Amino acid sequence: MYQEKKIIITGAKGMMGSDVVPILSENYSVVPTDKEELDITDAGQIEDWFDRVRPDWVVHMAALTDLDFCEENPDIAHEVNNAGTEKIAAACKKRGIGMIYISTSGIFSGKKDKPYTEDDIPKPVNVYGQSKYHGELAVQKILEGEKWMILRAGWLFGGGENDIKFVGKMIKLARTISEISAVDNIFGSPNYTVDIGRLICYLIEEEMRGVFHVGNEGLATRLDLAEAIVELSGADCTIKPVHSSVFPTKAPRPPMEAIVNSRLLRIGYEMRPWREALKDYIERLR
């Protein structure tokens, strides 16, 4: 048990929350909220919750993460991901509460031929990335000189039944069909939500500040992930490499979303390799 702290978590019922809430609850007094309890676009609700709970930290995970929905509904995307984050930050500023904002590695253009560091300049290519980056800017402006962290994560997996993203879908498909097509020309950094939960505890205890890239070590394509899932799960399934043009989407995807955890490495914290994390996750689901 770390030093007693009270933490509000927004978006607690999502995929990330399914793993992060239990991990933080082992060490802190955690108050999980989701949209049914706390509408982050309602400043009055935020004020009421913060006054009632009086947290030391807020871990802000609530967001619209469906890229294509965001692309078709930019006003809603910005209301939640940008304006909602701004309201959370303002309430934290007013009370001296620390804030951890979960952002995304999808805020870069993807035109770079190698993974992005915290020193690279964000240039989002879709509405989702724009709305999350504007949320970052709001946190940095409002909480300048205060306790804040921005964690950029992408290509998440974890959460068991709540895993509706690529890895969760591939695990289910590999068990039921004999061939799967997977994109081989888009790169990212896979992220196990359990490892993010452990990292959050560390960063809070070490009283860190600023922007951190957060990914399990190593970059991968969707093809690499799919092949690893089949191998590690022992599924009888063939993986077929395809170009991203085979799966057209409303929201453009940056071809390079992989990140380097430069700041974490400088403070001596190393995330484990993504294959090792994926192996643990698959074994957990057996």
C-alpha atoms as a PDB file:
ATOM      1  CA  MET A   1       0.000   0.000   0.000  1.00  0.00           C
ATOM      2  CA  TYR A   2       1.358   3.386  -0.994  1.00  0.00           C
ATOM      3  CA  GLN A   3       0.734   6.546   0.990  1.00  0.00           C
ATOM      4  CA  GLU A   4      -3.031   6.973   1.243  1.00  0.00           C
ATOM      5  CA  LYS A   5      -4.479   9.028  -1.587  1.00  0.00           C
ATOM      6  CA  LYS A   6      -7.989   9.430  -2.945  1.00  0.00           C
ATOM      7  CA  ILE A   7      -8.380   9.192  -6.722  1.00  0.00           C
ATOM      8  CA  ILE A   8     -11.366   9.806  -9.003  1.00  0.00           C
ATOM      9  CA  ILE A   9     -11.262   7.872 -12.261  1.00  0.00           C
ATOM     10  CA  THR A  10     -13.404   8.964 -15.201  1.00  0.00           C
ATOM     11  CA  GLY A  11     -14.357   6.460 -17.893  1.00  0.00           C
ATOM     12  CA  ALA A  12     -13.858   3.682 -15.349  1.00  0.00           C
ATOM     13  CA  LYS A  13     -16.087   1.124 -17.095  1.00  0.00           C
ATOM     14  CA  GLY A  14     -14.173   1.190 -20.372  1.00  0.00           C
ATOM     15  CA  MET A  15     -11.534  -1.247 -21.564  1.00  0.00           C
ATOM     16  CA  MET A  16      -8.664   0.525 -19.835  1.00  0.00           C
ATOM     17  CA  GLY A  17     -10.667   1.087 -16.681  1.00  0.00           C
ATOM     18  CA  SER A  18     -11.358  -2.643 -16.377  1.00  0.00           C
ATOM     19  CA  ASP A  19      -7.673  -3.155 -15.553  1.00  0.00           C
ATOM     20  CA  VAL A  20      -6.582   0.216 -14.195  1.00  0.00           C
ATOM     21  CA  VAL A  21      -9.312   0.528 -11.549  1.00  0.00           C
ATOM     22  CA  PRO A  22      -8.443  -2.760  -9.761  1.00  0.00           C
ATOM     23  CA  ILE A  23      -4.702  -1.986  -9.841  1.00  0.00           C
ATOM     24  CA  LEU A  24      -5.093   1.508  -8.426  1.00  0.00           C
ATOM     25  CA  SER A  25      -7.614   0.193  -5.879  1.00  0.00           C
ATOM     26  CA  GLU A  26      -4.913  -2.073  -4.431  1.00  0.00           C
ATOM     27  CA  ASN A  27      -2.913   1.010  -3.479  1.00  0.00           C
ATOM     28  CA  TYR A  28      -5.307   3.940  -3.153  1.00  0.00           C
ATOM     29  CA  SER A  29      -8.856   4.898  -2.228  1.00  0.00           C
ATOM     30  CA  VAL A  30     -10.423   4.873  -5.700  1.00  0.00           C
ATOM     31  CA  VAL A  31     -13.753   6.383  -6.727  1.00  0.00           C
ATOM     32  CA  PRO A  32     -14.603   5.031 -10.209  1.00  0.00           C
ATOM     33  CA  THR A  33     -17.073   6.998 -12.333  1.00  0.00           C
ATOM     34  CA  ASP A  34     -18.472   6.568 -15.815  1.00  0.00           C
ATOM     35  CA  LYS A  35     -20.866   8.615 -17.938  1.00  0.00           C
ATOM     36  CA  GLU A  36     -23.895   7.349 -15.990  1.00  0.00           C
ATOM     37  CA  GLU A  37     -22.508   8.943 -12.813  1.00  0.00           C
ATOM     38  CA  LEU A  38     -20.373  11.798 -14.134  1.00  0.00           C
ATOM     39  CA  ASP A  39     -20.962  13.578 -17.435  1.00  0.00           C
ATOM     40  CA  ILE A  40     -17.605  15.219 -18.141  1.00  0.00           C
ATOM     41  CA  THR A  41     -19.263  17.764 -20.442  1.00  0.00           C
ATOM     42  CA  ASP A  42     -21.287  19.091 -17.469  1.00  0.00           C
ATOM     43  CA  ALA A  43     -19.176  21.490 -15.386  1.00  0.00           C
ATOM     44  CA  GLY A  44     -21.757  21.493 -12.597  1.00  0.00           C
ATOM     45  CA  GLN A  45     -21.576  17.716 -12.201  1.00  0.00           C
ATOM     46  CA  ILE A  46     -17.791  17.846 -12.138  1.00  0.00           C
ATOM     47  CA  GLU A  47     -17.842  20.525  -9.434  1.00  0.00           C
ATOM     48  CA  ASP A  48     -20.302  18.508  -7.330  1.00  0.00           C
ATOM     49  CA  TRP A  49     -18.269  15.301  -7.588  1.00  0.00           C
ATOM     50  CA  PHE A  50     -14.981  16.988  -6.780  1.00  0.00           C
ATOM     51  CA  ASP A  51     -16.439  18.852  -3.794  1.00  0.00           C
ATOM     52  CA  ARG A  52     -18.035  15.684  -2.445  1.00  0.00           C
ATOM     53  CA  VAL A  53     -15.075  13.319  -2.948  1.00  0.00           C
ATOM     54  CA  ARG A  54     -12.221  15.816  -2.462  1.00  0.00           C
ATOM     55  CA  PRO A  55      -9.684  13.710  -4.387  1.00  0.00           C
ATOM     56  CA  ASP A  56      -5.922  14.119  -4.422  1.00  0.00           C
ATOM     57  CA  TRP A  57      -5.760  13.046  -8.075  1.00  0.00           C
ATOM     58  CA  VAL A  58      -8.058  12.598 -11.053  1.00  0.00           C
ATOM     59  CA  VAL A  59      -7.186   9.984 -13.677  1.00  0.00           C
ATOM     60  CA  HIS A  60      -9.109  11.208 -16.702  1.00  0.00           C
ATOM     61  CA  MET A  61      -9.743   8.309 -19.084  1.00  0.00           C
ATOM     62  CA  ALA A  62     -13.251   9.185 -20.319  1.00  0.00           C
ATOM     63  CA  ALA A  63     -13.223   9.815 -24.071  1.00  0.00           C
ATOM     64  CA  LEU A  64     -14.834   9.095 -27.391  1.00  0.00           C
ATOM     65  CA  THR A  65     -12.369   6.685 -29.014  1.00  0.00           C
ATOM     66  CA  ASP A  66     -14.248   5.484 -32.103  1.00  0.00           C
ATOM     67  CA  LEU A  67     -12.215   7.201 -34.823  1.00  0.00           C
ATOM     68  CA  ASP A  68     -14.833   6.910 -37.547  1.00  0.00           C
ATOM     69  CA  PHE A  69     -17.638   8.161 -35.275  1.00  0.00           C
ATOM     70  CA  CYS A  70     -15.475  11.140 -34.329  1.00  0.00           C
ATOM     71  CA  GLU A  71     -14.751  11.857 -37.988  1.00  0.00           C
ATOM     72  CA  GLU A  72     -18.481  11.959 -38.765  1.00  0.00           C
ATOM     73  CA  ASN A  73     -19.382  13.855 -35.573  1.00  0.00           C
ATOM     74  CA  PRO A  74     -16.610  16.392 -34.965  1.00  0.00           C
ATOM     75  CA  ASP A  75     -18.724  18.610 -32.701  1.00  0.00           C
ATOM     76  CA  ILE A  76     -19.462  15.715 -30.343  1.00  0.00           C
ATOM     77  CA  ALA A  77     -15.828  14.559 -30.440  1.00  0.00           C
ATOM     78  CA  HIS A  78     -14.546  17.994 -29.451  1.00  0.00           C
ATOM     79  CA  GLU A  79     -17.252  18.454 -26.823  1.00  0.00           C
ATOM     80  CA  VAL A  80     -16.162  15.275 -25.045  1.00  0.00           C
ATOM     81  CA  ASN A  81     -12.447  14.909 -25.753  1.00  0.00           C
ATOM     82  CA  ASN A  82     -11.490  18.580 -25.771  1.00  0.00           C
ATOM     83  CA  ALA A  83     -14.079  20.629 -23.873  1.00  0.00           C
ATOM     84  CA  GLY A  84     -14.723  17.836 -21.341  1.00  0.00           C
ATOM     85  CA  THR A  85     -11.011  17.596 -20.594  1.00  0.00           C
ATOM     86  CA  GLU A  86     -10.826  21.367 -20.259  1.00  0.00           C
ATOM     87  CA  LYS A  87     -13.626  21.301 -17.660  1.00  0.00           C
ATOM     88  CA  ILE A  88     -11.884  18.556 -15.665  1.00  0.00           C
ATOM     89  CA  ALA A  89      -8.615  20.521 -15.740  1.00  0.00           C
ATOM     90  CA  ALA A  90     -10.337  23.726 -14.604  1.00  0.00           C
ATOM     91  CA  ALA A  91     -11.941  21.939 -11.646  1.00  0.00           C
ATOM     92  CA  CYS A  92      -8.549  20.456 -10.705  1.00  0.00           C
ATOM     93  CA  LYS A  93      -6.894  23.877 -10.916  1.00  0.00           C
ATOM     94  CA  LYS A  94      -9.531  25.416  -8.655  1.00  0.00           C
ATOM     95  CA  ARG A  95      -8.893  22.843  -5.900  1.00  0.00           C
ATOM     96  CA  GLY A  96      -5.204  22.003  -6.300  1.00  0.00           C
ATOM     97  CA  ILE A  97      -5.987  18.457  -7.495  1.00  0.00           C
ATOM     98  CA  GLY A  98      -3.439  16.520  -9.540  1.00  0.00           C
ATOM     99  CA  MET A  99      -4.563  15.405 -13.020  1.00  0.00           C
ATOM    100  CA  ILE A 100      -3.474  12.521 -15.222  1.00  0.00           C
ATOM    101  CA  TYR A 101      -4.885  12.775 -18.729  1.00  0.00           C
ATOM    102  CA  ILE A 102      -4.834   9.668 -20.919  1.00  0.00           C
ATOM    103  CA  SER A 103      -4.130  10.903 -24.432  1.00  0.00           C
ATOM    104  CA  THR A 104      -3.171   9.002 -27.571  1.00  0.00           C
ATOM    105  CA  SER A 105      -0.216   8.251 -29.815  1.00  0.00           C
ATOM    106  CA  GLY A 106      -2.591   9.068 -32.685  1.00  0.00           C
ATOM    107  CA  ILE A 107      -1.870  12.798 -32.500  1.00  0.00           C
ATOM    108  CA  PHE A 108       1.002  12.632 -34.991  1.00  0.00           C
ATOM    109  CA  SER A 109       0.883  12.849 -38.783  1.00  0.00           C
ATOM    110  CA  GLY A 110       2.434   9.410 -39.269  1.00  0.00           C
ATOM    111  CA  LYS A 111       4.778  10.735 -41.939  1.00  0.00           C
ATOM    112  CA  LYS A 112       7.876  10.007 -39.890  1.00  0.00           C
ATOM    113  CA  ASP A 113       9.720   6.789 -40.818  1.00  0.00           C
ATOM    114  CA  LYS A 114      10.479   5.858 -37.201  1.00  0.00           C
ATOM    115  CA  PRO A 115       8.646   5.982 -33.846  1.00  0.00           C
ATOM    116  CA  TYR A 116       7.732   9.337 -32.307  1.00  0.00           C
ATOM    117  CA  THR A 117       9.261  10.823 -29.157  1.00  0.00           C
ATOM    118  CA  GLU A 118       7.831  13.423 -26.775  1.00  0.00           C
ATOM    119  CA  ASP A 119       9.925  16.050 -28.599  1.00  0.00           C
ATOM    120  CA  ASP A 120       8.130  15.534 -31.919  1.00  0.00           C
ATOM    121  CA  ILE A 121       5.455  18.090 -32.852  1.00  0.00           C
ATOM    122  CA  PRO A 122       1.885  16.689 -33.014  1.00  0.00           C
ATOM    123  CA  LYS A 123       0.041  17.110 -36.316  1.00  0.00           C
ATOM    124  CA  PRO A 124      -3.186  15.082 -36.089  1.00  0.00           C
ATOM    125  CA  VAL A 125      -4.654  13.806 -39.350  1.00  0.00           C
ATOM    126  CA  ASN A 126      -8.141  12.983 -38.066  1.00  0.00           C
ATOM    127  CA  VAL A 127     -10.809  14.503 -35.817  1.00  0.00           C
ATOM    128  CA  TYR A 128     -10.140  12.083 -32.973  1.00  0.00           C
ATOM    129  CA  GLY A 129      -6.457  13.012 -32.870  1.00  0.00           C
ATOM    130  CA  GLN A 130      -7.287  16.706 -33.094  1.00  0.00           C
ATOM    131  CA  SER A 131      -9.774  16.528 -30.230  1.00  0.00           C
ATOM    132  CA  LYS A 132      -7.356  14.626 -27.987  1.00  0.00           C
ATOM    133  CA  TYR A 133      -4.469  16.964 -28.782  1.00  0.00           C
ATOM    134  CA  HIS A 134      -6.601  20.005 -28.036  1.00  0.00           C
ATOM    135  CA  GLY A 135      -7.368  18.318 -24.712  1.00  0.00           C
ATOM    136  CA  GLU A 136      -3.623  18.069 -24.087  1.00  0.00           C
ATOM    137  CA  LEU A 137      -3.154  21.761 -24.798  1.00  0.00           C
ATOM    138  CA  ALA A 138      -5.978  22.632 -22.387  1.00  0.00           C
ATOM    139  CA  VAL A 139      -4.389  20.575 -19.594  1.00  0.00           C
ATOM    140  CA  GLN A 140      -0.993  22.192 -20.092  1.00  0.00           C
ATOM    141  CA  LYS A 141      -2.390  25.724 -20.255  1.00  0.00           C
ATOM    142  CA  ILE A 142      -4.825  25.476 -17.339  1.00  0.00           C
ATOM    143  CA  LEU A 143      -2.563  23.476 -15.025  1.00  0.00           C
ATOM    144  CA  GLU A 144       0.693  25.264 -15.754  1.00  0.00           C
ATOM    145  CA  GLY A 145       2.772  25.113 -12.578  1.00  0.00           C
ATOM    146  CA  GLU A 146       0.415  22.530 -11.022  1.00  0.00           C
ATOM    147  CA  LYS A 147       0.415  18.735 -10.717  1.00  0.00           C
ATOM    148  CA  TRP A 148      -0.354  17.223 -14.132  1.00  0.00           C
ATOM    149  CA  MET A 149       0.699  14.410 -16.402  1.00  0.00           C
ATOM    150  CA  ILE A 150      -0.283  13.505 -19.948  1.00  0.00           C
ATOM    151  CA  LEU A 151       0.175   9.852 -20.929  1.00  0.00           C
ATOM    152  CA  ARG A 152       0.121   9.184 -24.665  1.00  0.00           C
ATOM    153  CA  ALA A 153      -0.900   5.581 -25.295  1.00  0.00           C
ATOM    154  CA  GLY A 154      -2.191   3.746 -28.332  1.00  0.00           C
ATOM    155  CA  TRP A 155      -3.026   0.292 -29.685  1.00  0.00           C
ATOM    156  CA  LEU A 156      -4.486  -0.774 -26.352  1.00  0.00           C
ATOM    157  CA  PHE A 157      -5.293  -4.327 -25.355  1.00  0.00           C
ATOM    158  CA  GLY A 158      -6.646  -5.685 -22.083  1.00  0.00           C
ATOM    159  CA  GLY A 159      -9.912  -5.644 -20.203  1.00  0.00           C
ATOM    160  CA  GLY A 160     -11.040  -9.168 -21.083  1.00  0.00           C
ATOM    161  CA  GLU A 161     -14.651  -9.058 -22.265  1.00  0.00           C
ATOM    162  CA  ASN A 162     -14.406  -5.254 -22.547  1.00  0.00           C
ATOM    163  CA  ASP A 163     -11.626  -5.555 -25.131  1.00  0.00           C
ATOM    164  CA  ILE A 164     -13.414  -4.473 -28.323  1.00  0.00           C
ATOM    165  CA  LYS A 165     -10.293  -3.247 -30.086  1.00  0.00           C
ATOM    166  CA  PHE A 166      -7.993  -5.073 -32.493  1.00  0.00           C
ATOM    167  CA  VAL A 167      -6.423  -7.619 -30.140  1.00  0.00           C
ATOM    168  CA  GLY A 168      -9.728  -8.575 -28.547  1.00  0.00           C
ATOM    169  CA  LYS A 169     -11.326  -9.028 -31.955  1.00  0.00           C
ATOM    170  CA  MET A 170      -8.404 -11.055 -33.304  1.00  0.00           C
ATOM    171  CA  ILE A 171      -8.378 -13.404 -30.317  1.00  0.00           C
ATOM    172  CA  LYS A 172     -12.060 -14.176 -30.892  1.00  0.00           C
ATOM    173  CA  LEU A 173     -11.675 -14.528 -34.678  1.00  0.00           C
ATOM    174  CA  ALA A 174      -8.634 -16.801 -34.426  1.00  0.00           C
ATOM    175  CA  ARG A 175     -10.732 -19.256 -32.432  1.00  0.00           C
ATOM    176  CA  THR A 176     -13.565 -19.375 -34.945  1.00  0.00           C
ATOM    177  CA  ILE A 177     -12.292 -18.931 -38.521  1.00  0.00           C
ATOM    178  CA  SER A 178      -9.425 -20.435 -40.517  1.00  0.00           C
ATOM    179  CA  GLU A 179      -8.030 -17.276 -42.182  1.00  0.00           C
ATOM    180  CA  ILE A 180      -7.717 -13.660 -41.084  1.00  0.00           C
ATOM    181  CA  SER A 181      -6.506 -10.676 -43.106  1.00  0.00           C
ATOM    182  CA  ALA A 182      -4.319  -8.174 -41.236  1.00  0.00           C
ATOM    183  CA  VAL A 183      -2.783  -4.869 -42.379  1.00  0.00           C
ATOM    184  CA  ASP A 184       0.990  -4.871 -42.833  1.00  0.00           C
ATOM    185  CA  ASN A 185       1.741  -1.215 -43.623  1.00  0.00           C
ATOM    186  CA  ILE A 186       0.647   0.643 -40.463  1.00  0.00           C
ATOM    187  CA  PHE A 187       2.937   0.662 -37.402  1.00  0.00           C
ATOM    188  CA  GLY A 188       2.125   1.206 -33.745  1.00  0.00           C
ATOM    189  CA  SER A 189       3.156   0.441 -30.181  1.00  0.00           C
ATOM    190  CA  PRO A 190       0.929  -2.199 -28.535  1.00  0.00           C
ATOM    191  CA  ASN A 191      -0.117  -1.320 -24.988  1.00  0.00           C
ATOM    192  CA  TYR A 192      -1.285  -3.655 -22.221  1.00  0.00           C
ATOM    193  CA  THR A 193      -3.675  -1.795 -19.926  1.00  0.00           C
ATOM    194  CA  VAL A 194      -2.386  -3.721 -16.887  1.00  0.00           C
ATOM    195  CA  ASP A 195       1.078  -2.258 -17.476  1.00  0.00           C
ATOM    196  CA  ILE A 196      -0.406   1.232 -17.799  1.00  0.00           C
ATOM    197  CA  GLY A 197      -2.135   0.809 -14.437  1.00  0.00           C
ATOM    198  CA  ARG A 198       1.138  -0.163 -12.764  1.00  0.00           C
ATOM    199  CA  LEU A 199       2.893   2.771 -14.408  1.00  0.00           C
ATOM    200  CA  ILE A 200       0.287   5.245 -13.145  1.00  0.00           C
ATOM    201  CA  CYS A 201       0.953   4.113  -9.557  1.00  0.00           C
ATOM    202  CA  TYR A 202       4.680   4.626 -10.066  1.00  0.00           C
ATOM    203  CA  LEU A 203       4.303   8.078 -11.598  1.00  0.00           C
ATOM    204  CA  ILE A 204       2.013   9.257  -8.803  1.00  0.00           C
ATOM    205  CA  GLU A 205       4.385   8.044  -6.097  1.00  0.00           C
ATOM    206  CA  GLU A 206       7.409   9.581  -7.814  1.00  0.00           C
ATOM    207  CA  GLU A 207       5.452  12.852  -8.222  1.00  0.00           C
ATOM    208  CA  MET A 208       6.289  13.127 -11.900  1.00  0.00           C
ATOM    209  CA  ARG A 209       5.055  15.931 -14.131  1.00  0.00           C
ATOM    210  CA  GLY A 210       4.690  16.511 -17.871  1.00  0.00           C
ATOM    211  CA  VAL A 211       4.134  14.506 -21.058  1.00  0.00           C
ATOM    212  CA  PHE A 212       5.059  10.817 -21.243  1.00  0.00           C
ATOM    213  CA  HIS A 213       4.897   8.366 -24.126  1.00  0.00           C
ATOM    214  CA  VAL A 214       3.626   5.016 -22.868  1.00  0.00           C
ATOM    215  CA  GLY A 215       3.917   1.852 -24.911  1.00  0.00           C
ATOM    216  CA  ASN A 216       5.146  -1.680 -24.409  1.00  0.00           C
ATOM    217  CA  GLU A 217       8.616  -1.911 -25.923  1.00  0.00           C
ATOM    218  CA  GLY A 218       8.895  -2.578 -29.655  1.00  0.00           C
ATOM    219  CA  LEU A 219       6.852  -1.512 -32.656  1.00  0.00           C
ATOM    220  CA  ALA A 220       4.488  -3.753 -34.604  1.00  0.00           C
ATOM    221  CA  THR A 221       2.089  -3.842 -37.516  1.00  0.00           C
ATOM    222  CA  ARG A 222      -1.425  -5.233 -37.210  1.00  0.00           C
ATOM    223  CA  LEU A 223      -0.039  -8.239 -39.079  1.00  0.00           C
ATOM    224  CA  ASP A 224       2.653  -8.743 -36.426  1.00  0.00           C
ATOM    225  CA  LEU A 225       0.024  -8.624 -33.685  1.00  0.00           C
ATOM    226  CA  ALA A 226      -2.290 -11.054 -35.443  1.00  0.00           C
ATOM    227  CA  GLU A 227       0.527 -13.525 -36.091  1.00  0.00           C
ATOM    228  CA  ALA A 228       1.622 -13.322 -32.456  1.00  0.00           C
ATOM    229  CA  ILE A 229      -1.940 -13.909 -31.256  1.00  0.00           C
ATOM    230  CA  VAL A 230      -2.240 -17.061 -33.359  1.00  0.00           C
ATOM    231  CA  GLU A 231       1.166 -18.320 -32.233  1.00  0.00           C
ATOM    232  CA  LEU A 232       0.670 -17.595 -28.521  1.00  0.00           C
ATOM    233  CA  SER A 233      -2.882 -18.917 -28.380  1.00  0.00           C
ATOM    234  CA  GLY A 234      -2.161 -22.034 -30.438  1.00  0.00           C
ATOM    235  CA  ALA A 235      -5.049 -21.240 -32.788  1.00  0.00           C
ATOM    236  CA  ASP A 236      -5.415 -23.131 -36.060  1.00  0.00           C
ATOM    237  CA  CYS A 237      -5.628 -20.036 -38.232  1.00  0.00           C
ATOM    238  CA  THR A 238      -3.710 -18.526 -41.153  1.00  0.00           C
ATOM    239  CA  ILE A 239      -2.892 -14.813 -41.242  1.00  0.00           C
ATOM    240  CA  LYS A 240      -2.964 -13.108 -44.639  1.00  0.00           C
ATOM    241  CA  PRO A 241      -1.041  -9.808 -45.043  1.00  0.00           C
ATOM    242  CA  VAL A 242      -2.970  -7.012 -46.787  1.00  0.00           C
ATOM    243  CA  HIS A 243      -2.511  -3.304 -47.501  1.00  0.00           C
ATOM    244  CA  SER A 244      -4.540  -0.834 -45.440  1.00  0.00           C
ATOM    245  CA  SER A 245      -6.436   0.178 -48.596  1.00  0.00           C
ATOM    246  CA  VAL A 246      -8.271  -3.155 -48.341  1.00  0.00           C
ATOM    247  CA  PHE A 247     -10.029  -1.791 -45.230  1.00  0.00           C
ATOM    248  CA  PRO A 248     -11.105   1.778 -46.119  1.00  0.00           C
ATOM    249  CA  THR A 249     -12.115   3.955 -43.156  1.00  0.00           C
ATOM    250  CA  LYS A 250     -13.828   7.324 -42.800  1.00  0.00           C
ATOM    251  CA  ALA A 251     -11.063   8.614 -40.534  1.00  0.00           C
ATOM    252  CA  PRO A 252      -7.574   8.578 -42.056  1.00  0.00           C
ATOM    253  CA  ARG A 253      -5.062   6.499 -40.087  1.00  0.00           C
ATOM    254  CA  PRO A 254      -1.466   7.704 -39.725  1.00  0.00           C
ATOM    255  CA  PRO A 255       0.886   5.033 -41.108  1.00  0.00           C
ATOM    256  CA  MET A 256       3.288   5.464 -38.165  1.00  0.00           C
ATOM    257  CA  GLU A 257       1.724   5.539 -34.691  1.00  0.00           C
ATOM    258  CA  ALA A 258       4.601   3.854 -32.882  1.00  0.00           C
ATOM    259  CA  ILE A 259       6.185   5.761 -29.996  1.00  0.00           C
ATOM    260  CA  VAL A 260       9.395   5.720 -27.972  1.00  0.00           C
ATOM    261  CA  ASN A 261       9.119   6.049 -24.181  1.00  0.00           C
ATOM    262  CA  SER A 262      12.001   8.512 -24.083  1.00  0.00           C
ATOM    263  CA  ARG A 263      11.060  10.259 -20.833  1.00  0.00           C
ATOM    264  CA  LEU A 264      10.295   7.011 -19.005  1.00  0.00           C
ATOM    265  CA  LEU A 265      13.648   5.587 -20.050  1.00  0.00           C
ATOM    266  CA  ARG A 266      15.399   8.721 -18.796  1.00  0.00           C
ATOM    267  CA  ILE A 267      13.937   8.186 -15.320  1.00  0.00           C
ATOM    268  CA  GLY A 268      14.865   4.499 -15.373  1.00  0.00           C
ATOM    269  CA  TYR A 269      11.396   3.029 -15.976  1.00  0.00           C
ATOM    270  CA  GLU A 270      11.185   0.435 -18.743  1.00  0.00           C
ATOM    271  CA  MET A 271       7.960  -1.037 -20.111  1.00  0.00           C
ATOM    272  CA  ARG A 272       8.249  -4.745 -20.950  1.00  0.00           C
ATOM    273  CA  PRO A 273       8.217  -5.959 -24.594  1.00  0.00           C
ATOM    274  CA  TRP A 274       4.780  -6.117 -26.200  1.00  0.00           C
ATOM    275  CA  ARG A 275       5.029  -9.839 -27.006  1.00  0.00           C
ATOM    276  CA  GLU A 276       5.665 -10.646 -23.345  1.00  0.00           C
ATOM    277  CA  ALA A 277       2.700  -8.529 -22.287  1.00  0.00           C
ATOM    278  CA  LEU A 278       0.495 -10.090 -24.979  1.00  0.00           C
ATOM    279  CA  LYS A 279       1.491 -13.586 -23.829  1.00  0.00           C
ATOM    280  CA  ASP A 280       0.414 -12.736 -20.264  1.00  0.00           C
ATOM    281  CA  TYR A 281      -2.890 -11.362 -21.513  1.00  0.00           C
ATOM    282  CA  ILE A 282      -3.707 -14.403 -23.641  1.00  0.00           C
ATOM    283  CA  GLU A 283      -2.857 -16.740 -20.754  1.00  0.00           C
ATOM    284  CA  ARG A 284      -5.120 -14.695 -18.495  1.00  0.00           C
ATOM    285  CA  LEU A 285      -8.020 -15.246 -20.923  1.00  0.00           C
ATOM    286  CA  ARG A 286      -7.681 -19.034 -21.070  1.00  0.00           C
END
